[in-house]
């Protein structure tokens, strides 16, 4: 066992504080790496504050992790010391169910995917995430970060990037597709960049036009305010695919009406309350309502390679660890453009 400095949540209501945690010894198939950057995801905040169920406090959040390998186990074949690597939302799965064998570990039906934090590893110990100086992970759940992606920019791709990439790929996004992204935040802005890189026509649907200049700069072809009823009249029957990146309770009937026949609206956020689905809107256009959860290991690697090839990177604000609590408040206030990334250098040096 080794100890490492980290920032942990001790309850749902107290600020995150500096502490030390233990990491397991490097096993035969393990990779240990120094964490250089860790993204802050809204999911971190939901989990820290106990909004998504039971939390095993003290807990270290962070599932957008990028760093450099410092040690590998005796049976590791994929990585060596000095490699640039990352870890996303999970660090293990059953490896035996149909989903795992199909490369869809995020939908594991055996043990379920083991979360990078607030999960329980095979050793029976709670998993702790990336707001820390180093981590030990089985090589099969580690990603290689291409040289063309800076480590600080790579971190948010490991959740935000794959969350958008997976549905875009699954629904065959390309030059013949008309795509809409609801919300231009930490998820949405990456979706705009990815869809544009895939050749699609991209429209941002946002509550207001205050981020319109950003949206067009990031690659959107059009930008509309959903607070304006005329938007829904003008865009009715327009889109092949709509990606909803916000967690607000929307009028699904209004948004489903924006789909063309056989179009699909994909839920990526998790609203607090159930939403009504008007059957008529689905039936009359043979429309679909679906959902998507991150991506498997192979697809996440594919996403990283795609981003490297096409120059796709998130817009980030790099912060120091002691700023995490203030960053949380700014995320909740939508006061970040567009993703906070923690520089963990001070956590490695202690």
Protein backbone atom coordinates (compact mmCIF):
# COMPACT_ATOMS: atom_id res chain seq x y z
CA UNK A 1 0.00 0.00 0.00
CA UNK A 2 1.07 3.58 -0.62
CA UNK A 3 -0.34 6.90 0.52
CA UNK A 4 -1.15 9.85 -1.69
CA UNK A 5 -2.46 13.37 -1.10
CA UNK A 6 -6.02 14.01 -2.25
CA UNK A 7 -9.07 16.22 -1.83
CA UNK A 8 -11.98 14.30 -0.34
CA UNK A 9 -15.62 14.83 0.54
CA UNK A 10 -16.38 13.90 4.15
CA UNK A 11 -20.14 14.49 3.99
CA UNK A 12 -22.82 15.78 1.64
CA UNK A 13 -22.69 19.25 3.14
CA UNK A 14 -19.07 19.96 4.10
CA UNK A 15 -16.45 21.41 1.71
CA UNK A 16 -13.90 19.06 0.17
CA UNK A 17 -10.70 19.03 2.22
CA UNK A 18 -7.11 17.95 1.75
CA UNK A 19 -6.29 14.52 3.14
CA UNK A 20 -4.30 11.38 2.39
CA UNK A 21 -5.65 8.13 0.97
CA UNK A 22 -4.13 4.74 0.29
CA UNK A 23 -3.57 3.11 -3.08
CA UNK A 24 -3.09 -0.62 -3.47
CA UNK A 25 0.27 -2.11 -4.39
CA UNK A 26 0.81 -2.63 -8.11
CA UNK A 27 -0.39 -6.11 -9.03
CA UNK A 28 0.70 -8.17 -12.05
CA UNK A 29 -1.84 -6.52 -14.39
CA UNK A 30 -1.88 -3.06 -12.83
CA UNK A 31 -0.67 0.29 -14.10
CA UNK A 32 0.27 3.02 -11.64
CA UNK A 33 0.44 6.57 -12.89
CA UNK A 34 0.97 10.04 -11.56
CA UNK A 35 -2.14 12.14 -12.08
CA UNK A 36 -1.32 15.42 -13.79
CA UNK A 37 -4.85 16.70 -14.47
CA UNK A 38 -8.37 15.81 -13.35
CA UNK A 39 -11.54 17.29 -14.79
CA UNK A 40 -14.50 18.38 -12.70
CA UNK A 41 -17.73 16.80 -13.96
CA UNK A 42 -21.20 17.78 -12.77
CA UNK A 43 -21.59 14.10 -11.85
CA UNK A 44 -18.85 14.61 -9.26
CA UNK A 45 -20.96 17.24 -7.55
CA UNK A 46 -24.15 15.14 -7.65
CA UNK A 47 -22.28 12.22 -6.09
CA UNK A 48 -20.37 14.26 -3.49
CA UNK A 49 -23.63 15.82 -2.30
CA UNK A 50 -25.42 12.50 -2.02
CA UNK A 51 -27.92 13.30 -4.76
CA UNK A 52 -27.41 10.01 -6.60
CA UNK A 53 -27.62 7.60 -3.69
CA UNK A 54 -25.39 6.26 -0.96
CA UNK A 55 -21.88 7.66 -0.67
CA UNK A 56 -19.01 5.94 1.11
CA UNK A 57 -17.39 8.94 2.83
CA UNK A 58 -14.65 10.01 2.87
CA UNK A 59 -14.69 9.93 -0.93
CA UNK A 60 -12.32 11.31 -3.55
CA UNK A 61 -14.19 12.25 -6.72
CA UNK A 62 -12.84 12.68 -10.24
CA UNK A 63 -13.32 10.43 -13.28
CA UNK A 64 -11.62 12.50 -15.96
CA UNK A 65 -8.01 11.61 -15.20
CA UNK A 66 -4.85 12.15 -17.25
CA UNK A 67 -1.24 11.46 -16.30
CA UNK A 68 2.01 9.60 -16.88
CA UNK A 69 2.83 5.96 -16.05
CA UNK A 70 5.33 5.45 -13.21
CA UNK A 71 5.11 1.68 -12.65
CA UNK A 72 3.64 -1.38 -14.36
CA UNK A 73 2.93 -4.90 -13.15
CA UNK A 74 4.89 -7.94 -14.28
CA UNK A 75 2.17 -9.10 -16.71
CA UNK A 76 1.31 -5.71 -18.23
CA UNK A 77 1.70 -5.67 -22.02
CA UNK A 78 -0.09 -2.51 -23.12
CA UNK A 79 1.84 0.20 -21.27
CA UNK A 80 5.28 1.10 -20.01
CA UNK A 81 6.78 3.72 -17.72
CA UNK A 82 6.55 7.18 -19.30
CA UNK A 83 3.40 6.54 -21.33
CA UNK A 84 0.70 9.22 -21.35
CA UNK A 85 -2.49 7.61 -20.11
CA UNK A 86 -5.92 8.29 -18.73
CA UNK A 87 -8.83 6.76 -16.85
CA UNK A 88 -12.49 7.60 -17.30
CA UNK A 89 -15.66 6.76 -15.42
CA UNK A 90 -14.96 3.13 -14.51
CA UNK A 91 -12.02 0.97 -13.50
CA UNK A 92 -13.43 -2.55 -13.78
CA UNK A 93 -16.41 -4.68 -14.84
CA UNK A 94 -17.28 -8.37 -14.75
CA UNK A 95 -15.52 -9.02 -18.11
CA UNK A 96 -17.76 -12.05 -18.71
CA UNK A 97 -21.27 -10.84 -19.58
CA UNK A 98 -22.46 -10.21 -23.15
CA UNK A 99 -22.05 -6.44 -22.73
CA UNK A 100 -18.44 -6.71 -21.54
CA UNK A 101 -17.55 -9.15 -24.30
CA UNK A 102 -19.06 -6.75 -26.84
CA UNK A 103 -16.89 -3.89 -25.59
CA UNK A 104 -19.82 -2.23 -23.84
CA UNK A 105 -18.44 -2.44 -20.32
CA UNK A 106 -20.48 0.59 -19.29
CA UNK A 107 -23.59 -1.60 -19.57
CA UNK A 108 -22.09 -4.55 -17.66
CA UNK A 109 -24.87 -6.86 -16.47
CA UNK A 110 -22.64 -8.99 -14.24
CA UNK A 111 -21.17 -7.02 -11.39
CA UNK A 112 -21.98 -3.75 -13.12
CA UNK A 113 -19.21 -1.36 -14.05
CA UNK A 114 -17.04 -0.41 -11.08
CA UNK A 115 -16.98 3.37 -10.77
CA UNK A 116 -13.66 5.16 -10.62
CA UNK A 117 -14.90 6.54 -7.31
CA UNK A 118 -17.63 5.55 -4.87
CA UNK A 119 -17.40 1.97 -6.11
CA UNK A 120 -15.94 -1.21 -4.66
CA UNK A 121 -12.96 -2.86 -6.32
CA UNK A 122 -12.17 -6.57 -6.58
CA UNK A 123 -10.10 -6.22 -3.43
CA UNK A 124 -13.21 -5.18 -1.53
CA UNK A 125 -11.88 -1.66 -0.97
CA UNK A 126 -13.70 1.52 -1.99
CA UNK A 127 -12.48 3.13 -5.19
CA UNK A 128 -11.12 6.68 -5.00
CA UNK A 129 -10.90 9.04 -7.95
CA UNK A 130 -8.71 11.59 -9.62
CA UNK A 131 -8.62 14.55 -7.23
CA UNK A 132 -5.35 13.02 -6.04
CA UNK A 133 -1.67 12.58 -6.86
CA UNK A 134 -1.65 9.06 -8.31
CA UNK A 135 -3.81 6.02 -9.02
CA UNK A 136 -3.47 2.27 -9.64
CA UNK A 137 -5.74 0.70 -12.28
CA UNK A 138 -5.93 -2.60 -14.14
CA UNK A 139 -4.33 -2.10 -17.56
CA UNK A 140 -7.54 -3.17 -19.33
CA UNK A 141 -9.29 -0.04 -18.07
CA UNK A 142 -6.52 2.43 -18.88
CA UNK A 143 -6.58 4.59 -22.04
CA UNK A 144 -3.65 5.77 -24.13
CA UNK A 145 -3.59 9.53 -24.68
CA UNK A 146 -2.28 10.42 -28.15
CA UNK A 147 0.69 12.77 -28.30
CA UNK A 148 -1.38 15.31 -30.25
CA UNK A 149 -3.67 15.93 -27.28
CA UNK A 150 -2.34 17.96 -24.36
CA UNK A 151 -2.82 16.18 -21.03
CA UNK A 152 -4.89 19.02 -19.55
CA UNK A 153 -7.19 18.97 -22.57
CA UNK A 154 -7.43 15.17 -22.59
CA UNK A 155 -8.92 14.89 -19.10
CA UNK A 156 -12.50 16.08 -19.89
CA UNK A 157 -12.61 13.91 -23.00
CA UNK A 158 -12.65 10.84 -20.74
CA UNK A 159 -16.20 11.62 -19.64
CA UNK A 160 -17.60 14.59 -21.54
CA UNK A 161 -15.92 13.53 -24.78
CA UNK A 162 -17.06 9.91 -24.80
CA UNK A 163 -20.54 10.83 -23.52
CA UNK A 164 -21.09 12.75 -26.77
CA UNK A 165 -18.97 10.64 -29.11
CA UNK A 166 -20.77 7.38 -28.35
CA UNK A 167 -24.28 8.46 -29.42
CA UNK A 168 -22.95 10.39 -32.40
CA UNK A 169 -21.23 7.22 -33.62
CA UNK A 170 -24.11 4.91 -32.69
CA UNK A 171 -26.59 6.96 -34.71
CA UNK A 172 -24.20 7.16 -37.68
CA UNK A 173 -23.42 10.87 -37.68
CA UNK A 174 -21.91 12.09 -40.93
CA UNK A 175 -22.21 14.70 -43.67
CA UNK A 176 -25.79 13.66 -44.47
CA UNK A 177 -27.05 14.26 -40.93
CA UNK A 178 -28.66 17.27 -39.31
CA UNK A 179 -27.76 17.27 -35.61
CA UNK A 180 -29.01 19.41 -32.74
CA UNK A 181 -27.33 19.75 -29.35
CA UNK A 182 -29.45 20.96 -26.43
CA UNK A 183 -27.30 23.05 -24.13
CA UNK A 184 -23.87 24.59 -24.67
CA UNK A 185 -22.12 23.57 -21.45
CA UNK A 186 -19.40 21.15 -20.42
CA UNK A 187 -20.99 18.37 -22.47
CA UNK A 188 -22.68 20.33 -25.21
CA UNK A 189 -19.70 22.31 -26.41
CA UNK A 190 -17.74 19.08 -26.95
CA UNK A 191 -20.71 17.63 -28.82
CA UNK A 192 -20.74 20.58 -31.19
CA UNK A 193 -17.05 20.10 -31.96
CA UNK A 194 -17.36 16.35 -32.45
CA UNK A 195 -20.46 16.48 -34.64
CA UNK A 196 -18.86 19.16 -36.80
CA UNK A 197 -15.67 17.10 -37.12
CA UNK A 198 -17.84 14.20 -38.33
CA UNK A 199 -19.18 16.42 -41.09
CA UNK A 200 -22.72 16.97 -39.82
CA UNK A 201 -24.75 20.16 -39.92
CA UNK A 202 -24.90 21.27 -36.27
CA UNK A 203 -27.45 23.42 -34.45
CA UNK A 204 -27.31 24.51 -30.83
CA UNK A 205 -30.60 24.77 -28.95
CA UNK A 206 -30.05 26.90 -25.86
CA UNK A 207 -32.34 28.67 -23.41
CA UNK A 208 -31.03 32.05 -24.60
CA UNK A 209 -28.68 33.53 -27.16
CA UNK A 210 -26.06 34.66 -24.65
CA UNK A 211 -23.57 31.99 -25.78
CA UNK A 212 -24.37 32.30 -29.46
CA UNK A 213 -21.01 33.81 -30.39
CA UNK A 214 -19.23 30.95 -28.63
CA UNK A 215 -21.45 28.34 -30.26
CA UNK A 216 -20.75 29.58 -33.76
CA UNK A 217 -17.04 29.87 -33.00
CA UNK A 218 -16.97 26.27 -31.78
CA UNK A 219 -18.49 25.03 -35.02
CA UNK A 220 -22.26 25.33 -34.84
CA UNK A 221 -23.93 26.24 -38.12
CA UNK A 222 -27.01 27.65 -36.40
CA UNK A 223 -27.99 28.71 -32.89
CA UNK A 224 -31.52 29.14 -31.56
CA UNK A 225 -33.10 30.21 -28.28
CA UNK A 226 -35.60 27.69 -26.96
CA UNK A 227 -37.24 30.39 -24.85
CA UNK A 228 -38.63 31.75 -28.13
CA UNK A 229 -41.75 29.77 -29.21
CA UNK A 230 -40.97 30.65 -32.84
CA UNK A 231 -37.91 28.37 -32.63
CA UNK A 232 -40.11 25.30 -32.37
CA UNK A 233 -42.32 26.43 -35.24
CA UNK A 234 -39.38 27.16 -37.53
CA UNK A 235 -37.43 23.98 -36.79
CA UNK A 236 -40.31 21.47 -36.69
CA UNK A 237 -39.37 18.19 -38.39
CA UNK A 238 -35.76 19.27 -38.96
CA UNK A 239 -33.30 17.05 -37.12
CA UNK A 240 -32.13 13.47 -37.58
CA UNK A 241 -30.63 13.39 -34.09
CA UNK A 242 -31.01 15.57 -31.02
CA UNK A 243 -28.60 15.17 -28.11
CA UNK A 244 -29.95 16.51 -24.83
CA UNK A 245 -27.02 17.40 -22.59
CA UNK A 246 -28.97 19.23 -19.89
CA UNK A 247 -30.48 17.71 -16.76
CA UNK A 248 -33.49 20.02 -16.64
CA UNK A 249 -37.04 18.72 -17.03
CA UNK A 250 -37.90 19.69 -20.60
CA UNK A 251 -41.15 19.62 -22.54
CA UNK A 252 -40.30 16.45 -24.45
CA UNK A 253 -43.23 16.84 -26.79
CA UNK A 254 -41.87 20.14 -28.04
CA UNK A 255 -38.38 18.77 -28.63
CA UNK A 256 -39.56 15.50 -30.18
CA UNK A 257 -41.52 17.56 -32.70
CA UNK A 258 -38.21 18.93 -33.98
CA UNK A 259 -37.21 15.47 -35.24
CA UNK A 260 -37.70 14.32 -38.77
CA UNK A 261 -39.39 10.95 -39.33
CA UNK A 262 -37.21 8.18 -37.88
CA UNK A 263 -35.28 10.80 -35.90
CA UNK A 264 -34.03 10.15 -32.38
CA UNK A 265 -33.76 12.28 -29.26
CA UNK A 266 -31.04 10.96 -26.94
CA UNK A 267 -31.06 11.77 -23.22
CA UNK A 268 -27.55 12.31 -21.81
CA UNK A 269 -28.45 14.29 -18.71
CA UNK A 270 -30.42 12.92 -15.75
CA UNK A 271 -33.34 15.20 -14.79
CA UNK A 272 -34.48 15.20 -11.19
CA UNK A 273 -38.06 14.29 -12.03
CA UNK A 274 -39.65 11.95 -14.64
CA UNK A 275 -40.74 13.60 -17.86
CA UNK A 276 -43.96 12.94 -19.76
CA UNK A 277 -43.58 11.44 -23.22
CA UNK A 278 -46.52 12.22 -25.55
CA UNK A 279 -47.12 9.04 -27.52
CA UNK A 280 -48.66 10.88 -30.44
CA UNK A 281 -45.48 12.81 -31.17
CA UNK A 282 -43.55 9.54 -31.34
CA UNK A 283 -46.13 7.67 -33.37
CA UNK A 284 -46.84 10.29 -36.01
CA UNK A 285 -43.22 10.54 -37.09
CA UNK A 286 -41.93 7.08 -36.12
CA UNK A 287 -39.65 9.03 -33.82
CA UNK A 288 -37.56 7.52 -31.02
CA UNK A 289 -36.56 8.58 -27.52
CA UNK A 290 -33.38 6.94 -26.28
CA UNK A 291 -30.52 7.31 -23.83
CA UNK A 292 -26.77 6.77 -23.81
CA UNK A 293 -24.16 6.25 -21.10
CA UNK A 294 -20.49 7.12 -21.77
CA UNK A 295 -18.77 4.36 -23.83
CA UNK A 296 -16.74 1.19 -23.51
CA UNK A 297 -12.96 1.08 -23.33
CA UNK A 298 -12.42 0.40 -27.05
CA UNK A 299 -14.81 3.17 -28.09
CA UNK A 300 -13.23 5.61 -25.65
CA UNK A 301 -9.84 4.90 -27.18
CA UNK A 302 -11.38 5.40 -30.62
CA UNK A 303 -12.74 8.75 -29.43
CA UNK A 304 -9.33 9.88 -28.19
CA UNK A 305 -7.71 8.92 -31.49
CA UNK A 306 -10.47 10.72 -33.41
CA UNK A 307 -9.99 13.88 -31.35
CA UNK A 308 -6.23 13.76 -31.96
CA UNK A 309 -6.73 13.34 -35.70
CA UNK A 310 -9.31 16.11 -36.00
CA UNK A 311 -7.95 18.59 -33.45
CA UNK A 312 -10.96 18.33 -31.15
CA UNK A 313 -10.31 19.54 -27.60
CA UNK A 314 -12.57 20.92 -24.86
CA UNK A 315 -12.51 24.55 -23.76
CA UNK A 316 -11.09 24.48 -20.24
CA UNK A 317 -10.14 26.57 -17.23
CA UNK A 318 -7.21 25.10 -15.29
CA UNK A 319 -7.41 25.52 -11.52
CA UNK A 320 -5.43 24.57 -8.42
CA UNK A 321 -6.79 21.95 -5.98
CA UNK A 322 -7.57 24.49 -3.28
CA UNK A 323 -10.06 26.10 -5.69
CA UNK A 324 -12.23 22.95 -6.03
CA UNK A 325 -15.01 24.08 -3.70
CA UNK A 326 -15.35 27.43 -5.42
CA UNK A 327 -15.27 25.67 -8.79
CA UNK A 328 -18.19 23.49 -7.65
CA UNK A 329 -20.26 26.59 -6.90
CA UNK A 330 -19.39 28.07 -10.28
CA UNK A 331 -20.40 24.85 -12.06
CA UNK A 332 -23.77 24.98 -10.31
CA UNK A 333 -24.13 28.61 -11.40
CA UNK A 334 -23.17 27.73 -15.01
CA UNK A 335 -20.22 30.09 -14.59
CA UNK A 336 -17.54 28.16 -16.48
CA UNK A 337 -16.62 28.06 -20.15
CA UNK A 338 -16.62 25.21 -20.37
CA UNK A 339 -14.86 22.69 -18.12
CA UNK A 340 -12.74 23.02 -14.99
CA UNK A 341 -9.55 20.95 -14.93
CA UNK A 342 -7.51 20.55 -11.74
CA UNK A 343 -3.73 20.81 -12.04
CA UNK A 344 -2.69 18.17 -9.48
CA UNK A 345 1.03 19.01 -9.38
CA UNK A 346 0.83 20.12 -5.74
CA UNK A 347 -0.83 16.80 -4.79
CA UNK A 348 2.02 14.83 -6.38
CA UNK A 349 4.73 16.83 -4.61
CA UNK A 350 3.49 16.26 -1.06
